[in-house]
């Protein structure tokens, strides 16, 4: 266990904290909990690379922590009526698919593709969409749909990179 992995685990602990603030209608505080989770994501990645502390546990738990927080936010926004169910379903399908696919292939010994710039950009765009939604901007839902489209493009690119990486690995063996 190292500091980057502890930071990743802290993101799991922030999920119920977010839920408490969101469910008590403290939306601005709930949003800042999501931002705090995002900050720990940036920090753990930076520390893991800088200190050479990248671990298989971290590689698996880091995106899982991110996706769990995102799914929690999506469900809470849906339950409160702040986003349409179609947007929630689209985001859920994408995130659940990424979690299930990553776990399925990880446990079959396949290599995973590290986060790329488009994936990181998508995360930033989602955080912006959440900001607009939480602070009730009139264009928030339209912007969210744009981000959902970008996220599906990012996922398609990830799949292509994953297949290419594992094709090279399979060919080399």
Protein backbone atom coordinates (compact mmCIF):
# COMPACT_ATOMS: atom_id res chain seq x y z
CA UNK A 1 0.00 0.00 0.00
CA UNK A 2 1.41 3.38 -0.99
CA UNK A 3 0.20 6.99 -0.91
CA UNK A 4 -1.23 7.01 -4.47
CA UNK A 5 -3.27 3.89 -3.67
CA UNK A 6 -4.47 5.44 -0.39
CA UNK A 7 -5.62 8.50 -2.33
CA UNK A 8 -7.47 6.22 -4.73
CA UNK A 9 -9.16 4.49 -1.79
CA UNK A 10 -10.13 7.88 -0.37
CA UNK A 11 -12.22 8.45 -3.50
CA UNK A 12 -14.30 5.41 -2.59
CA UNK A 13 -14.76 6.91 0.90
CA UNK A 14 -15.90 10.22 -0.62
CA UNK A 15 -18.85 8.54 -2.36
CA UNK A 16 -21.06 8.24 0.77
CA UNK A 17 -19.97 11.75 1.82
CA UNK A 18 -21.21 13.04 -1.53
CA UNK A 19 -24.49 11.14 -1.12
CA UNK A 20 -25.11 12.66 2.32
CA UNK A 21 -24.60 16.22 1.06
CA UNK A 22 -26.58 15.65 -2.13
CA UNK A 23 -29.48 13.97 -0.32
CA UNK A 24 -29.71 16.86 2.15
CA UNK A 25 -29.95 19.28 -0.78
CA UNK A 26 -26.54 20.81 -0.13
CA UNK A 27 -25.79 20.77 -3.84
CA UNK A 28 -22.85 23.14 -3.90
CA UNK A 29 -21.08 21.18 -1.17
CA UNK A 30 -21.91 17.93 -2.95
CA UNK A 31 -20.40 19.32 -6.15
CA UNK A 32 -17.23 20.31 -4.31
CA UNK A 33 -16.97 16.76 -2.94
CA UNK A 34 -16.98 15.58 -6.55
CA UNK A 35 -14.26 18.15 -7.33
CA UNK A 36 -12.25 16.92 -4.33
CA UNK A 37 -12.50 13.38 -5.66
CA UNK A 38 -11.26 14.65 -9.02
CA UNK A 39 -8.35 16.42 -7.33
CA UNK A 40 -7.31 13.22 -5.54
CA UNK A 41 -7.44 11.45 -8.91
CA UNK A 42 -5.02 13.97 -10.39
CA UNK A 43 -2.78 13.86 -7.32
CA UNK A 44 -2.61 10.07 -7.06
CA UNK A 45 -1.70 9.76 -10.73
CA UNK A 46 0.97 12.42 -10.45
CA UNK A 47 2.50 10.87 -7.31
CA UNK A 48 2.41 7.34 -8.72
CA UNK A 49 4.31 8.43 -11.84
CA UNK A 50 6.72 10.77 -10.06
CA UNK A 51 7.60 8.26 -7.31
CA UNK A 52 7.55 5.20 -9.54
CA UNK A 53 4.74 3.73 -7.44
CA UNK A 54 2.46 2.51 -10.19
CA UNK A 55 0.97 -0.79 -9.04
CA UNK A 56 -1.40 -3.29 -10.61
CA UNK A 57 -3.81 -2.63 -7.75
CA UNK A 58 -3.68 1.09 -8.51
CA UNK A 59 -4.10 0.52 -12.25
CA UNK A 60 -7.28 -1.44 -11.53
CA UNK A 61 -8.70 0.60 -8.61
CA UNK A 62 -8.07 4.10 -10.00
CA UNK A 63 -10.51 3.93 -12.91
CA UNK A 64 -12.94 1.91 -10.78
CA UNK A 65 -13.00 4.66 -8.14
CA UNK A 66 -13.60 7.26 -10.86
CA UNK A 67 -16.40 5.28 -12.46
CA UNK A 68 -18.07 4.55 -9.11
CA UNK A 69 -18.10 8.25 -8.26
CA UNK A 70 -19.41 9.12 -11.72
CA UNK A 71 -22.16 6.50 -11.48
CA UNK A 72 -23.14 7.79 -8.04
CA UNK A 73 -23.39 11.33 -9.38
CA UNK A 74 -25.39 10.15 -12.40
CA UNK A 75 -27.85 8.22 -10.23
CA UNK A 76 -28.29 11.13 -7.83
CA UNK A 77 -28.87 13.61 -10.66
CA UNK A 78 -31.38 11.25 -12.25
CA UNK A 79 -33.22 10.58 -8.99
CA UNK A 80 -33.51 14.31 -8.35
CA UNK A 81 -34.82 14.99 -11.86
CA UNK A 82 -31.84 17.19 -12.72
CA UNK A 83 -31.01 15.16 -15.85
CA UNK A 84 -33.23 13.20 -18.24
CA UNK A 85 -33.34 9.44 -17.86
CA UNK A 86 -32.03 8.99 -21.42
CA UNK A 87 -28.82 10.85 -20.55
CA UNK A 88 -28.42 8.81 -17.37
CA UNK A 89 -28.91 5.56 -19.30
CA UNK A 90 -26.35 6.60 -21.93
CA UNK A 91 -23.78 7.52 -19.26
CA UNK A 92 -24.53 4.38 -17.25
CA UNK A 93 -24.15 2.11 -20.27
CA UNK A 94 -20.83 3.69 -21.18
CA UNK A 95 -19.37 3.66 -17.66
CA UNK A 96 -20.69 0.22 -16.71
CA UNK A 97 -19.41 -1.12 -20.01
CA UNK A 98 -15.97 0.34 -19.39
CA UNK A 99 -15.87 -1.13 -15.85
CA UNK A 100 -17.08 -4.56 -16.92
CA UNK A 101 -14.87 -4.65 -20.00
CA UNK A 102 -11.76 -3.57 -18.10
CA UNK A 103 -12.34 -6.12 -15.34
CA UNK A 104 -13.15 -8.92 -17.80
CA UNK A 105 -10.00 -8.42 -19.85
CA UNK A 106 -7.77 -7.59 -16.87
CA UNK A 107 -8.58 -10.93 -15.23
CA UNK A 108 -7.82 -12.70 -18.50
CA UNK A 109 -4.30 -11.28 -18.54
CA UNK A 110 -4.86 -8.68 -21.23
CA UNK A 111 -2.95 -5.42 -21.14
CA UNK A 112 -4.89 -2.28 -20.36
CA UNK A 113 -4.51 0.97 -22.20
CA UNK A 114 -3.34 3.79 -19.96
CA UNK A 115 -5.51 6.88 -19.72
CA UNK A 116 -5.06 9.01 -22.80
CA UNK A 117 -5.56 12.72 -23.35
CA UNK A 118 -9.02 12.29 -24.89
CA UNK A 119 -10.16 10.27 -21.87
CA UNK A 120 -8.81 12.94 -19.53
CA UNK A 121 -10.48 15.65 -21.59
CA UNK A 122 -13.77 13.74 -21.37
CA UNK A 123 -13.47 13.65 -17.59
CA UNK A 124 -12.89 17.41 -17.46
CA UNK A 125 -15.88 17.96 -19.76
CA UNK A 126 -18.07 15.82 -17.48
CA UNK A 127 -16.96 17.84 -14.47
CA UNK A 128 -17.90 21.00 -16.33
CA UNK A 129 -21.29 19.48 -17.17
CA UNK A 130 -21.80 18.65 -13.50
CA UNK A 131 -20.87 22.22 -12.57
CA UNK A 132 -23.44 23.57 -15.02
CA UNK A 133 -26.08 21.13 -13.74
CA UNK A 134 -25.43 21.66 -10.04
CA UNK A 135 -25.43 25.43 -10.47
CA UNK A 136 -28.54 25.30 -12.70
CA UNK A 137 -27.21 26.83 -15.94
CA UNK A 138 -29.90 26.89 -18.63
CA UNK A 139 -27.72 25.11 -21.21
CA UNK A 140 -26.51 22.38 -18.81
CA UNK A 141 -28.46 19.43 -20.22
CA UNK A 142 -27.62 20.30 -23.83
CA UNK A 143 -23.96 20.53 -22.89
CA UNK A 144 -24.25 17.20 -21.07
CA UNK A 145 -25.47 15.55 -24.29
CA UNK A 146 -22.45 16.97 -26.13
CA UNK A 147 -20.14 15.50 -23.49
CA UNK A 148 -21.89 12.12 -23.68
CA UNK A 149 -21.18 12.09 -27.42
CA UNK A 150 -17.52 12.92 -26.82
CA UNK A 151 -17.33 10.18 -24.18
CA UNK A 152 -18.59 7.55 -26.63
CA UNK A 153 -16.00 8.68 -29.18
CA UNK A 154 -13.29 8.45 -26.49
CA UNK A 155 -14.50 4.94 -25.58
CA UNK A 156 -14.38 3.84 -29.23
CA UNK A 157 -10.81 5.12 -29.52
CA UNK A 158 -9.90 3.32 -26.28
CA UNK A 159 -11.31 0.04 -27.66
CA UNK A 160 -9.32 0.42 -30.89
CA UNK A 161 -6.13 1.10 -28.88
CA UNK A 162 -6.87 -1.84 -26.58
CA UNK A 163 -7.34 -4.22 -29.52
CA UNK A 164 -4.15 -2.98 -31.20
CA UNK A 165 -2.12 -3.30 -28.00
CA UNK A 166 -3.31 -6.82 -27.31
CA UNK A 167 -2.98 -7.87 -30.94
CA UNK A 168 0.71 -6.83 -30.75
CA UNK A 169 1.11 -8.71 -27.46
CA UNK A 170 -0.59 -11.83 -28.81
CA UNK A 171 1.58 -11.70 -31.96
CA UNK A 172 4.77 -11.30 -29.89
CA UNK A 173 3.91 -14.40 -27.80
